Full PDB file with SEQRES, HELIX, SHEET, SSBOND, CRYST1, ORIGX, SCALE, CONECT and MASTER records, all heavy atoms in Angstrom:
SEQRES   1 A   37  PHE THR ILE ARG THR VAL PRO GLU ARG PHE ALA ARG LEU          
SEQRES   2 A   37  GLY ASP LEU HIS ALA ALA ILE ASP ASP GLU ALA TYR SER          
SEQRES   3 A   37  LEU GLN THR LEU LEU GLU TRP ALA ASP ARG ASP                  
HELIX    1 AA1 VAL A    6  LEU A   13  1                                   8    
HELIX    2 AA2 GLN A   28  ARG A   36  1                                   9    
CRYST1    1.000    1.000    1.000  90.00  90.00  90.00 P 1           1          
ORIGX1      1.000000  0.000000  0.000000        0.00000                         
ORIGX2      0.000000  1.000000  0.000000        0.00000                         
ORIGX3      0.000000  0.000000  1.000000        0.00000                         
SCALE1      1.000000  0.000000  0.000000        0.00000                         
SCALE2      0.000000  1.000000  0.000000        0.00000                         
SCALE3      0.000000  0.000000  1.000000        0.00000                         
ATOM      1  N   PHE A   1      -4.224   3.410  16.290  1.00  0.00           N  
ATOM      2  CA  PHE A   1      -3.176   3.495  15.286  1.00  0.00           C  
ATOM      3  C   PHE A   1      -2.924   4.959  14.932  1.00  0.00           C  
ATOM      4  O   PHE A   1      -3.720   5.581  14.207  1.00  0.00           O  
ATOM      5  CB  PHE A   1      -3.552   2.705  14.039  1.00  0.00           C  
ATOM      6  CG  PHE A   1      -3.795   1.244  14.307  1.00  0.00           C  
ATOM      7  CD1 PHE A   1      -5.059   0.700  14.148  1.00  0.00           C  
ATOM      8  CD2 PHE A   1      -2.774   0.416  14.741  1.00  0.00           C  
ATOM      9  CE1 PHE A   1      -5.294  -0.646  14.384  1.00  0.00           C  
ATOM     10  CE2 PHE A   1      -3.000  -0.931  14.988  1.00  0.00           C  
ATOM     11  CZ  PHE A   1      -4.258  -1.463  14.818  1.00  0.00           C  
ATOM     12  N   THR A   2      -1.839   5.518  15.435  1.00  0.00           N  
ATOM     13  CA  THR A   2      -1.510   6.925  15.226  1.00  0.00           C  
ATOM     14  C   THR A   2      -0.041   7.074  14.835  1.00  0.00           C  
ATOM     15  O   THR A   2       0.713   6.093  14.841  1.00  0.00           O  
ATOM     16  CB  THR A   2      -1.761   7.747  16.509  1.00  0.00           C  
ATOM     17  OG1 THR A   2      -0.730   7.455  17.463  1.00  0.00           O  
ATOM     18  CG2 THR A   2      -3.121   7.448  17.118  1.00  0.00           C  
ATOM     19  N   ILE A   3       0.357   8.300  14.544  1.00  0.00           N  
ATOM     20  CA  ILE A   3       1.769   8.511  14.207  1.00  0.00           C  
ATOM     21  C   ILE A   3       2.673   8.209  15.384  1.00  0.00           C  
ATOM     22  O   ILE A   3       3.882   8.019  15.192  1.00  0.00           O  
ATOM     23  CB  ILE A   3       2.029   9.935  13.672  1.00  0.00           C  
ATOM     24  CG1 ILE A   3       1.696  11.006  14.726  1.00  0.00           C  
ATOM     25  CG2 ILE A   3       1.278  10.183  12.392  1.00  0.00           C  
ATOM     26  CD1 ILE A   3       2.171  12.387  14.324  1.00  0.00           C  
ATOM     27  N   ARG A   4       2.126   8.161  16.586  1.00  0.00           N  
ATOM     28  CA  ARG A   4       2.921   7.811  17.769  1.00  0.00           C  
ATOM     29  C   ARG A   4       3.085   6.301  17.935  1.00  0.00           C  
ATOM     30  O   ARG A   4       4.076   5.858  18.515  1.00  0.00           O  
ATOM     31  CB  ARG A   4       2.260   8.382  19.031  1.00  0.00           C  
ATOM     32  CG  ARG A   4       2.108   9.886  19.061  1.00  0.00           C  
ATOM     33  CD  ARG A   4       3.435  10.602  19.082  1.00  0.00           C  
ATOM     34  NE  ARG A   4       3.273  12.000  19.482  1.00  0.00           N  
ATOM     35  CZ  ARG A   4       4.113  12.959  19.152  1.00  0.00           C  
ATOM     36  NH1 ARG A   4       5.170  12.693  18.391  1.00  0.00           N  
ATOM     37  NH2 ARG A   4       3.910  14.201  19.563  1.00  0.00           N  
ATOM     38  N   THR A   5       2.145   5.510  17.464  1.00  0.00           N  
ATOM     39  CA  THR A   5       2.178   4.078  17.738  1.00  0.00           C  
ATOM     40  C   THR A   5       2.545   3.209  16.530  1.00  0.00           C  
ATOM     41  O   THR A   5       3.089   2.114  16.695  1.00  0.00           O  
ATOM     42  CB  THR A   5       0.802   3.602  18.248  1.00  0.00           C  
ATOM     43  OG1 THR A   5      -0.193   3.819  17.217  1.00  0.00           O  
ATOM     44  CG2 THR A   5       0.390   4.368  19.493  1.00  0.00           C  
ATOM     45  N   VAL A   6       2.249   3.683  15.319  1.00  0.00           N  
ATOM     46  CA  VAL A   6       2.465   2.835  14.140  1.00  0.00           C  
ATOM     47  C   VAL A   6       3.928   2.566  13.848  1.00  0.00           C  
ATOM     48  O   VAL A   6       4.276   1.441  13.424  1.00  0.00           O  
ATOM     49  CB  VAL A   6       1.707   3.411  12.924  1.00  0.00           C  
ATOM     50  CG1 VAL A   6       2.091   2.671  11.647  1.00  0.00           C  
ATOM     51  CG2 VAL A   6       0.205   3.319  13.146  1.00  0.00           C  
ATOM     52  N   PRO A   7       4.848   3.527  14.056  1.00  0.00           N  
ATOM     53  CA  PRO A   7       6.262   3.206  13.782  1.00  0.00           C  
ATOM     54  C   PRO A   7       6.785   2.009  14.559  1.00  0.00           C  
ATOM     55  O   PRO A   7       7.495   1.153  14.012  1.00  0.00           O  
ATOM     56  CB  PRO A   7       6.996   4.502  14.158  1.00  0.00           C  
ATOM     57  CG  PRO A   7       5.990   5.578  13.864  1.00  0.00           C  
ATOM     58  CD  PRO A   7       4.693   4.974  14.308  1.00  0.00           C  
ATOM     59  N   GLU A   8       6.439   1.888  15.834  1.00  0.00           N  
ATOM     60  CA  GLU A   8       6.874   0.727  16.611  1.00  0.00           C  
ATOM     61  C   GLU A   8       6.241  -0.543  16.076  1.00  0.00           C  
ATOM     62  O   GLU A   8       6.916  -1.581  15.967  1.00  0.00           O  
ATOM     63  CB  GLU A   8       6.517   0.925  18.081  1.00  0.00           C  
ATOM     64  CG  GLU A   8       6.994  -0.182  19.016  1.00  0.00           C  
ATOM     65  CD  GLU A   8       6.108  -1.421  19.008  1.00  0.00           C  
ATOM     66  OE1 GLU A   8       4.873  -1.286  18.781  1.00  0.00           O  
ATOM     67  OE2 GLU A   8       6.634  -2.542  19.219  1.00  0.00           O  
ATOM     68  N   ARG A   9       4.976  -0.465  15.712  1.00  0.00           N  
ATOM     69  CA  ARG A   9       4.283  -1.636  15.134  1.00  0.00           C  
ATOM     70  C   ARG A   9       4.953  -2.049  13.830  1.00  0.00           C  
ATOM     71  O   ARG A   9       5.168  -3.246  13.574  1.00  0.00           O  
ATOM     72  CB  ARG A   9       2.823  -1.278  14.911  1.00  0.00           C  
ATOM     73  CG  ARG A   9       1.993  -2.338  14.188  1.00  0.00           C  
ATOM     74  CD  ARG A   9       0.566  -1.835  13.947  1.00  0.00           C  
ATOM     75  NE  ARG A   9      -0.159  -2.696  13.053  1.00  0.00           N  
ATOM     76  CZ  ARG A   9      -0.872  -3.746  13.427  1.00  0.00           C  
ATOM     77  NH1 ARG A   9      -0.928  -4.088  14.695  1.00  0.00           N  
ATOM     78  NH2 ARG A   9      -1.536  -4.476  12.538  1.00  0.00           N  
ATOM     79  N   PHE A  10       5.284  -1.065  13.003  1.00  0.00           N  
ATOM     80  CA  PHE A  10       5.931  -1.364  11.711  1.00  0.00           C  
ATOM     81  C   PHE A  10       7.289  -1.994  11.917  1.00  0.00           C  
ATOM     82  O   PHE A  10       7.669  -2.960  11.224  1.00  0.00           O  
ATOM     83  CB  PHE A  10       6.049  -0.082  10.886  1.00  0.00           C  
ATOM     84  CG  PHE A  10       6.487  -0.293   9.479  1.00  0.00           C  
ATOM     85  CD1 PHE A  10       5.546  -0.535   8.480  1.00  0.00           C  
ATOM     86  CD2 PHE A  10       7.813  -0.271   9.119  1.00  0.00           C  
ATOM     87  CE1 PHE A  10       5.933  -0.739   7.173  1.00  0.00           C  
ATOM     88  CE2 PHE A  10       8.223  -0.482   7.817  1.00  0.00           C  
ATOM     89  CZ  PHE A  10       7.278  -0.710   6.834  1.00  0.00           C  
ATOM     90  N   ALA A  11       8.060  -1.478  12.887  1.00  0.00           N  
ATOM     91  CA  ALA A  11       9.381  -2.026  13.170  1.00  0.00           C  
ATOM     92  C   ALA A  11       9.269  -3.482  13.670  1.00  0.00           C  
ATOM     93  O   ALA A  11      10.134  -4.321  13.386  1.00  0.00           O  
ATOM     94  CB  ALA A  11      10.082  -1.169  14.206  1.00  0.00           C  
ATOM     95  N   ARG A  12       8.186  -3.769  14.372  1.00  0.00           N  
ATOM     96  CA  ARG A  12       8.000  -5.102  14.971  1.00  0.00           C  
ATOM     97  C   ARG A  12       7.422  -6.091  13.978  1.00  0.00           C  
ATOM     98  O   ARG A  12       7.847  -7.253  13.910  1.00  0.00           O  
ATOM     99  CB  ARG A  12       7.103  -4.969  16.202  1.00  0.00           C  
ATOM    100  CG  ARG A  12       6.732  -6.266  16.897  1.00  0.00           C  
ATOM    101  CD  ARG A  12       6.123  -5.980  18.259  1.00  0.00           C  
ATOM    102  NE  ARG A  12       5.175  -4.886  18.244  1.00  0.00           N  
ATOM    103  CZ  ARG A  12       3.861  -5.018  17.983  1.00  0.00           C  
ATOM    104  NH1 ARG A  12       3.366  -6.219  17.728  1.00  0.00           N  
ATOM    105  NH2 ARG A  12       3.072  -3.965  18.014  1.00  0.00           N  
ATOM    106  N   LEU A  13       6.451  -5.673  13.199  1.00  0.00           N  
ATOM    107  CA  LEU A  13       5.725  -6.589  12.308  1.00  0.00           C  
ATOM    108  C   LEU A  13       6.122  -6.476  10.843  1.00  0.00           C  
ATOM    109  O   LEU A  13       5.817  -7.382  10.058  1.00  0.00           O  
ATOM    110  CB  LEU A  13       4.218  -6.313  12.422  1.00  0.00           C  
ATOM    111  CG  LEU A  13       3.565  -6.510  13.791  1.00  0.00           C  
ATOM    112  CD1 LEU A  13       2.087  -6.137  13.722  1.00  0.00           C  
ATOM    113  CD2 LEU A  13       3.755  -7.930  14.285  1.00  0.00           C  
ATOM    114  N   GLY A  14       6.767  -5.386  10.485  1.00  0.00           N  
ATOM    115  CA  GLY A  14       7.026  -5.146   9.069  1.00  0.00           C  
ATOM    116  C   GLY A  14       5.748  -4.690   8.368  1.00  0.00           C  
ATOM    117  O   GLY A  14       4.748  -4.382   9.009  1.00  0.00           O  
ATOM    118  N   ASP A  15       5.787  -4.679   7.063  1.00  0.00           N  
ATOM    119  CA  ASP A  15       4.627  -4.253   6.282  1.00  0.00           C  
ATOM    120  C   ASP A  15       3.700  -5.448   6.071  1.00  0.00           C  
ATOM    121  O   ASP A  15       4.053  -6.395   5.369  1.00  0.00           O  
ATOM    122  CB  ASP A  15       5.088  -3.682   4.952  1.00  0.00           C  
ATOM    123  CG  ASP A  15       3.932  -3.201   4.081  1.00  0.00           C  
ATOM    124  OD1 ASP A  15       2.789  -3.155   4.590  1.00  0.00           O  
ATOM    125  OD2 ASP A  15       4.175  -2.864   2.911  1.00  0.00           O  
ATOM    126  N   LEU A  16       2.535  -5.390   6.674  1.00  0.00           N  
ATOM    127  CA  LEU A  16       1.575  -6.493   6.520  1.00  0.00           C  
ATOM    128  C   LEU A  16       1.011  -6.579   5.089  1.00  0.00           C  
ATOM    129  O   LEU A  16       0.352  -7.572   4.752  1.00  0.00           O  
ATOM    130  CB  LEU A  16       0.434  -6.354   7.519  1.00  0.00           C  
ATOM    131  CG  LEU A  16       0.831  -6.502   8.995  1.00  0.00           C  
ATOM    132  CD1 LEU A  16      -0.400  -6.379   9.900  1.00  0.00           C  
ATOM    133  CD2 LEU A  16       1.545  -7.820   9.249  1.00  0.00           C  
ATOM    134  N   HIS A  17       1.277  -5.588   4.269  1.00  0.00           N  
ATOM    135  CA  HIS A  17       0.880  -5.631   2.861  1.00  0.00           C  
ATOM    136  C   HIS A  17       2.056  -5.955   1.947  1.00  0.00           C  
ATOM    137  O   HIS A  17       2.000  -5.733   0.742  1.00  0.00           O  
ATOM    138  CB  HIS A  17       0.240  -4.317   2.421  1.00  0.00           C  
ATOM    139  CG  HIS A  17      -1.156  -4.140   2.899  1.00  0.00           C  
ATOM    140  ND1 HIS A  17      -1.973  -3.090   2.489  1.00  0.00           N  
ATOM    141  CD2 HIS A  17      -1.928  -4.873   3.752  1.00  0.00           C  
ATOM    142  CE1 HIS A  17      -3.158  -3.187   3.061  1.00  0.00           C  
ATOM    143  NE2 HIS A  17      -3.150  -4.254   3.833  1.00  0.00           N  
ATOM    144  N   ALA A  18       3.137  -6.483   2.525  1.00  0.00           N  
ATOM    145  CA  ALA A  18       4.342  -6.743   1.733  1.00  0.00           C  
ATOM    146  C   ALA A  18       4.091  -7.707   0.572  1.00  0.00           C  
ATOM    147  O   ALA A  18       4.769  -7.642  -0.457  1.00  0.00           O  
ATOM    148  CB  ALA A  18       5.449  -7.270   2.621  1.00  0.00           C  
ATOM    149  N   ALA A  19       3.136  -8.608   0.723  1.00  0.00           N  
ATOM    150  CA  ALA A  19       2.888  -9.613  -0.315  1.00  0.00           C  
ATOM    151  C   ALA A  19       1.762  -9.224  -1.262  1.00  0.00           C  
ATOM    152  O   ALA A  19       1.325 -10.018  -2.086  1.00  0.00           O  
ATOM    153  CB  ALA A  19       2.552 -10.963   0.334  1.00  0.00           C  
ATOM    154  N   ILE A  20       1.292  -7.975  -1.187  1.00  0.00           N  
ATOM    155  CA  ILE A  20       0.096  -7.585  -1.930  1.00  0.00           C  
ATOM    156  C   ILE A  20       0.290  -7.690  -3.441  1.00  0.00           C  
ATOM    157  O   ILE A  20      -0.661  -7.938  -4.185  1.00  0.00           O  
ATOM    158  CB  ILE A  20      -0.359  -6.159  -1.527  1.00  0.00           C  
ATOM    159  CG1 ILE A  20      -1.782  -5.891  -2.024  1.00  0.00           C  
ATOM    160  CG2 ILE A  20       0.614  -5.108  -2.022  1.00  0.00           C  
ATOM    161  CD1 ILE A  20      -2.405  -4.626  -1.441  1.00  0.00           C  
ATOM    162  N   ASP A  21       1.522  -7.534  -3.922  1.00  0.00           N  
ATOM    163  CA  ASP A  21       1.762  -7.586  -5.361  1.00  0.00           C  
ATOM    164  C   ASP A  21       2.130  -8.990  -5.852  1.00  0.00           C  
ATOM    165  O   ASP A  21       2.424  -9.163  -7.035  1.00  0.00           O  
ATOM    166  CB  ASP A  21       2.891  -6.619  -5.733  1.00  0.00           C  
ATOM    167  CG  ASP A  21       2.485  -5.169  -5.580  1.00  0.00           C  
ATOM    168  OD1 ASP A  21       1.380  -4.824  -6.055  1.00  0.00           O  
ATOM    169  OD2 ASP A  21       3.227  -4.387  -4.988  1.00  0.00           O  
ATOM    170  N   ASP A  22       2.096  -9.972  -4.966  1.00  0.00           N  
ATOM    171  CA  ASP A  22       2.539 -11.321  -5.355  1.00  0.00           C  
ATOM    172  C   ASP A  22       1.620 -11.977  -6.367  1.00  0.00           C  
ATOM    173  O   ASP A  22       2.070 -12.806  -7.176  1.00  0.00           O  
ATOM    174  CB  ASP A  22       2.670 -12.217  -4.114  1.00  0.00           C  
ATOM    175  CG  ASP A  22       3.882 -11.872  -3.270  1.00  0.00           C  
ATOM    176  OD1 ASP A  22       4.637 -10.961  -3.662  1.00  0.00           O  
ATOM    177  OD2 ASP A  22       4.044 -12.506  -2.208  1.00  0.00           O  
ATOM    178  N   GLU A  23       0.336 -11.676  -6.298  1.00  0.00           N  
ATOM    179  CA  GLU A  23      -0.609 -12.317  -7.216  1.00  0.00           C  
ATOM    180  C   GLU A  23      -1.724 -11.347  -7.563  1.00  0.00           C  
ATOM    181  O   GLU A  23      -2.232 -10.627  -6.711  1.00  0.00           O  
ATOM    182  CB  GLU A  23      -1.195 -13.574  -6.599  1.00  0.00           C  
ATOM    183  CG  GLU A  23      -2.073 -14.372  -7.551  1.00  0.00           C  
ATOM    184  CD  GLU A  23      -2.473 -15.732  -7.009  1.00  0.00           C  
ATOM    185  OE1 GLU A  23      -2.137 -16.045  -5.854  1.00  0.00           O  
ATOM    186  OE2 GLU A  23      -3.148 -16.479  -7.745  1.00  0.00           O  
ATOM    187  N   ALA A  24      -2.082 -11.324  -8.850  1.00  0.00           N  
ATOM    188  CA  ALA A  24      -3.169 -10.496  -9.321  1.00  0.00           C  
ATOM    189  C   ALA A  24      -4.316 -11.399  -9.794  1.00  0.00           C  
ATOM    190  O   ALA A  24      -4.071 -12.440 -10.414  1.00  0.00           O  
ATOM    191  CB  ALA A  24      -2.701  -9.584 -10.460  1.00  0.00           C  
ATOM    192  N   TYR A  25      -5.542 -10.980  -9.511  1.00  0.00           N  
ATOM    193  CA  TYR A  25      -6.707 -11.851  -9.721  1.00  0.00           C  
ATOM    194  C   TYR A  25      -7.594 -11.361 -10.849  1.00  0.00           C  
ATOM    195  O   TYR A  25      -7.562 -10.194 -11.224  1.00  0.00           O  
ATOM    196  CB  TYR A  25      -7.494 -11.951  -8.408  1.00  0.00           C  
ATOM    197  CG  TYR A  25      -6.714 -12.562  -7.294  1.00  0.00           C  
ATOM    198  CD1 TYR A  25      -6.000 -11.766  -6.390  1.00  0.00           C  
ATOM    199  CD2 TYR A  25      -6.629 -13.947  -7.147  1.00  0.00           C  
ATOM    200  CE1 TYR A  25      -5.259 -12.327  -5.368  1.00  0.00           C  
ATOM    201  CE2 TYR A  25      -5.889 -14.524  -6.116  1.00  0.00           C  
ATOM    202  CZ  TYR A  25      -5.209 -13.699  -5.241  1.00  0.00           C  
ATOM    203  OH  TYR A  25      -4.460 -14.264  -4.227  1.00  0.00           O  
ATOM    204  N   SER A  26      -8.412 -12.278 -11.328  1.00  0.00           N  
ATOM    205  CA  SER A  26      -9.373 -11.970 -12.373  1.00  0.00           C  
ATOM    206  C   SER A  26     -10.674 -11.471 -11.764  1.00  0.00           C  
ATOM    207  O   SER A  26     -11.069 -11.857 -10.658  1.00  0.00           O  
ATOM    208  CB  SER A  26      -9.660 -13.218 -13.221  1.00  0.00           C  
ATOM    209  OG  SER A  26     -10.717 -12.995 -14.126  1.00  0.00           O  
ATOM    210  N   LEU A  27     -11.371 -10.618 -12.514  1.00  0.00           N  
ATOM    211  CA  LEU A  27     -12.705 -10.136 -12.102  1.00  0.00           C  
ATOM    212  C   LEU A  27     -13.818 -10.871 -12.842  1.00  0.00           C  
ATOM    213  O   LEU A  27     -14.986 -10.501 -12.699  1.00  0.00           O  
ATOM    214  CB  LEU A  27     -12.830  -8.626 -12.387  1.00  0.00           C  
ATOM    215  CG  LEU A  27     -11.960  -7.693 -11.550  1.00  0.00           C  
ATOM    216  CD1 LEU A  27     -12.184  -6.243 -12.009  1.00  0.00           C  
ATOM    217  CD2 LEU A  27     -12.264  -7.835 -10.068  1.00  0.00           C  
ATOM    218  N   GLN A  28     -13.480 -11.910 -13.591  1.00  0.00           N  
ATOM    219  CA  GLN A  28     -14.453 -12.525 -14.468  1.00  0.00           C  
ATOM    220  C   GLN A  28     -15.699 -13.020 -13.716  1.00  0.00           C  
ATOM    221  O   GLN A  28     -16.831 -12.778 -14.147  1.00  0.00           O  
ATOM    222  CB  GLN A  28     -13.826 -13.693 -15.234  1.00  0.00           C  
ATOM    223  CG  GLN A  28     -14.701 -14.237 -16.347  1.00  0.00           C  
ATOM    224  CD  GLN A  28     -15.068 -13.158 -17.362  1.00  0.00           C  
ATOM    225  OE1 GLN A  28     -14.214 -12.413 -17.817  1.00  0.00           O  
ATOM    226  NE2 GLN A  28     -16.351 -13.072 -17.716  1.00  0.00           N  
ATOM    227  N   THR A  29     -15.500 -13.713 -12.590  1.00  0.00           N  
ATOM    228  CA  THR A  29     -16.659 -14.214 -11.838  1.00  0.00           C  
ATOM    229  C   THR A  29     -17.521 -13.070 -11.339  1.00  0.00           C  
ATOM    230  O   THR A  29     -18.759 -13.114 -11.421  1.00  0.00           O  
ATOM    231  CB  THR A  29     -16.193 -15.075 -10.659  1.00  0.00           C  
ATOM    232  OG1 THR A  29     -15.489 -16.207 -11.174  1.00  0.00           O  
ATOM    233  CG2 THR A  29     -17.393 -15.568  -9.855  1.00  0.00           C  
ATOM    234  N   LEU A  30     -16.909 -12.028 -10.829  1.00  0.00           N  
ATOM    235  CA  LEU A  30     -17.692 -10.878 -10.327  1.00  0.00           C  
ATOM    236  C   LEU A  30     -18.447 -10.196 -11.471  1.00  0.00           C  
ATOM    237  O   LEU A  30     -19.592  -9.751 -11.278  1.00  0.00           O  
ATOM    238  CB  LEU A  30     -16.765  -9.872  -9.649  1.00  0.00           C  
ATOM    239  CG  LEU A  30     -16.283 -10.262  -8.258  1.00  0.00           C  
ATOM    240  CD1 LEU A  30     -15.219  -9.298  -7.763  1.00  0.00           C  
ATOM    241  CD2 LEU A  30     -17.439 -10.300  -7.260  1.00  0.00           C  
ATOM    242  N   LEU A  31     -17.852 -10.114 -12.623  1.00  0.00           N  
ATOM    243  CA  LEU A  31     -18.548  -9.494 -13.757  1.00  0.00           C  
ATOM    244  C   LEU A  31     -19.716 -10.366 -14.220  1.00  0.00           C  
ATOM    245  O   LEU A  31     -20.750  -9.837 -14.669  1.00  0.00           O  
ATOM    246  CB  LEU A  31     -17.573  -9.233 -14.902  1.00  0.00           C  
ATOM    247  CG  LEU A  31     -16.536  -8.140 -14.608  1.00  0.00           C  
ATOM    248  CD1 LEU A  31     -15.476  -8.079 -15.712  1.00  0.00           C  
ATOM    249  CD2 LEU A  31     -17.215  -6.779 -14.443  1.00  0.00           C  
ATOM    250  N   GLU A  32     -19.589 -11.676 -14.069  1.00  0.00           N  
ATOM    251  CA  GLU A  32     -20.730 -12.559 -14.351  1.00  0.00           C  
ATOM    252  C   GLU A  32     -21.837 -12.327 -13.325  1.00  0.00           C  
ATOM    253  O   GLU A  32     -23.034 -12.338 -13.664  1.00  0.00           O  
ATOM    254  CB  GLU A  32     -20.264 -14.012 -14.337  1.00  0.00           C  
ATOM    255  CG  GLU A  32     -19.358 -14.360 -15.504  1.00  0.00           C  
ATOM    256  CD  GLU A  32     -18.711 -15.729 -15.374  1.00  0.00           C  
ATOM    257  OE1 GLU A  32     -19.013 -16.434 -14.375  1.00  0.00           O  
ATOM    258  OE2 GLU A  32     -17.920 -16.102 -16.263  1.00  0.00           O  
ATOM    259  N   TRP A  33     -21.454 -12.099 -12.086  1.00  0.00           N  
ATOM    260  CA  TRP A  33     -22.444 -11.768 -11.057  1.00  0.00           C  
ATOM    261  C   TRP A  33     -23.123 -10.445 -11.408  1.00  0.00           C  
ATOM    262  O   TRP A  33     -24.349 -10.304 -11.215  1.00  0.00           O  
ATOM    263  CB  TRP A  33     -21.782 -11.645  -9.681  1.00  0.00           C  
ATOM    264  CG  TRP A  33     -21.314 -12.927  -9.078  1.00  0.00           C  
ATOM    265  CD1 TRP A  33     -21.327 -14.159  -9.656  1.00  0.00           C  
ATOM    266  CD2 TRP A  33     -20.718 -13.080  -7.786  1.00  0.00           C  
ATOM    267  NE1 TRP A  33     -20.785 -15.093  -8.808  1.00  0.00           N  
ATOM    268  CE2 TRP A  33     -20.406 -14.468  -7.654  1.00  0.00           C  
ATOM    269  CE3 TRP A  33     -20.421 -12.223  -6.750  1.00  0.00           C  
ATOM    270  CZ2 TRP A  33     -19.820 -14.975  -6.493  1.00  0.00           C  
ATOM    271  CZ3 TRP A  33     -19.839 -12.726  -5.598  1.00  0.00           C  
ATOM    272  CH2 TRP A  33     -19.527 -14.090  -5.471  1.00  0.00           C  
ATOM    273  N   ALA A  34     -22.355  -9.485 -11.901  1.00  0.00           N  
ATOM    274  CA  ALA A  34     -22.932  -8.193 -12.268  1.00  0.00           C  
ATOM    275  C   ALA A  34     -23.941  -8.371 -13.410  1.00  0.00           C  
ATOM    276  O   ALA A  34     -25.035  -7.780 -13.388  1.00  0.00           O  
ATOM    277  CB  ALA A  34     -21.813  -7.238 -12.692  1.00  0.00           C  
ATOM    278  N   ASP A  35     -23.603  -9.196 -14.403  1.00  0.00           N  
ATOM    279  CA  ASP A  35     -24.533  -9.473 -15.503  1.00  0.00           C  
ATOM    280  C   ASP A  35     -25.812 -10.101 -14.952  1.00  0.00           C  
ATOM    281  O   ASP A  35     -26.944  -9.724 -15.357  1.00  0.00           O  
ATOM    282  CB  ASP A  35     -23.903 -10.427 -16.522  1.00  0.00           C  
ATOM    283  CG  ASP A  35     -22.764  -9.777 -17.312  1.00  0.00           C  
ATOM    284  OD1 ASP A  35     -22.719  -8.519 -17.365  1.00  0.00           O  
ATOM    285  OD2 ASP A  35     -21.940 -10.535 -17.871  1.00  0.00           O  
ATOM    286  N   ARG A  36     -25.668 -11.046 -14.037  1.00  0.00           N  
ATOM    287  CA  ARG A  36     -26.825 -11.711 -13.432  1.00  0.00           C  
ATOM    288  C   ARG A  36     -27.718 -10.694 -12.719  1.00  0.00           C  
ATOM    289  O   ARG A  36     -28.953 -10.715 -12.864  1.00  0.00           O  
ATOM    290  CB  ARG A  36     -26.324 -12.768 -12.456  1.00  0.00           C  
ATOM    291  CG  ARG A  36     -27.390 -13.443 -11.623  1.00  0.00           C  
ATOM    292  CD  ARG A  36     -26.772 -14.037 -10.354  1.00  0.00           C  
ATOM    293  NE  ARG A  36     -26.231 -13.012  -9.476  1.00  0.00           N  
ATOM    294  CZ  ARG A  36     -25.402 -13.246  -8.453  1.00  0.00           C  
ATOM    295  NH1 ARG A  36     -24.989 -14.485  -8.194  1.00  0.00           N  
ATOM    296  NH2 ARG A  36     -24.961 -12.256  -7.711  1.00  0.00           N  
ATOM    297  N   ASP A  37     -27.110  -9.811 -11.941  1.00  0.00           N  
ATOM    298  CA  ASP A  37     -27.883  -8.821 -11.182  1.00  0.00           C  
ATOM    299  C   ASP A  37     -28.620  -7.880 -12.123  1.00  0.00           C  
ATOM    300  O   ASP A  37     -29.787  -7.524 -11.877  1.00  0.00           O  
ATOM    301  CB  ASP A  37     -26.960  -8.038 -10.254  1.00  0.00           C  
ATOM    302  CG  ASP A  37     -26.441  -8.849  -9.092  1.00  0.00           C  
ATOM    303  OD1 ASP A  37     -26.983  -9.958  -8.852  1.00  0.00           O  
ATOM    304  OD2 ASP A  37     -25.490  -8.396  -8.431  1.00  0.00           O  
TER     305      ASP A  37                                                      
MASTER        0    0    0    2    0    0    0    6  304    1    0    3          
END                                                                             
């Protein structure tokens, strides 16, 4: 993955992170794990 190859990949596949902002998650379970540890 270089500046020579990624533009073609992007044109073909689009942004694979396009949906990254669709849902935001809670950290509550992980913080309970932190308390446990």
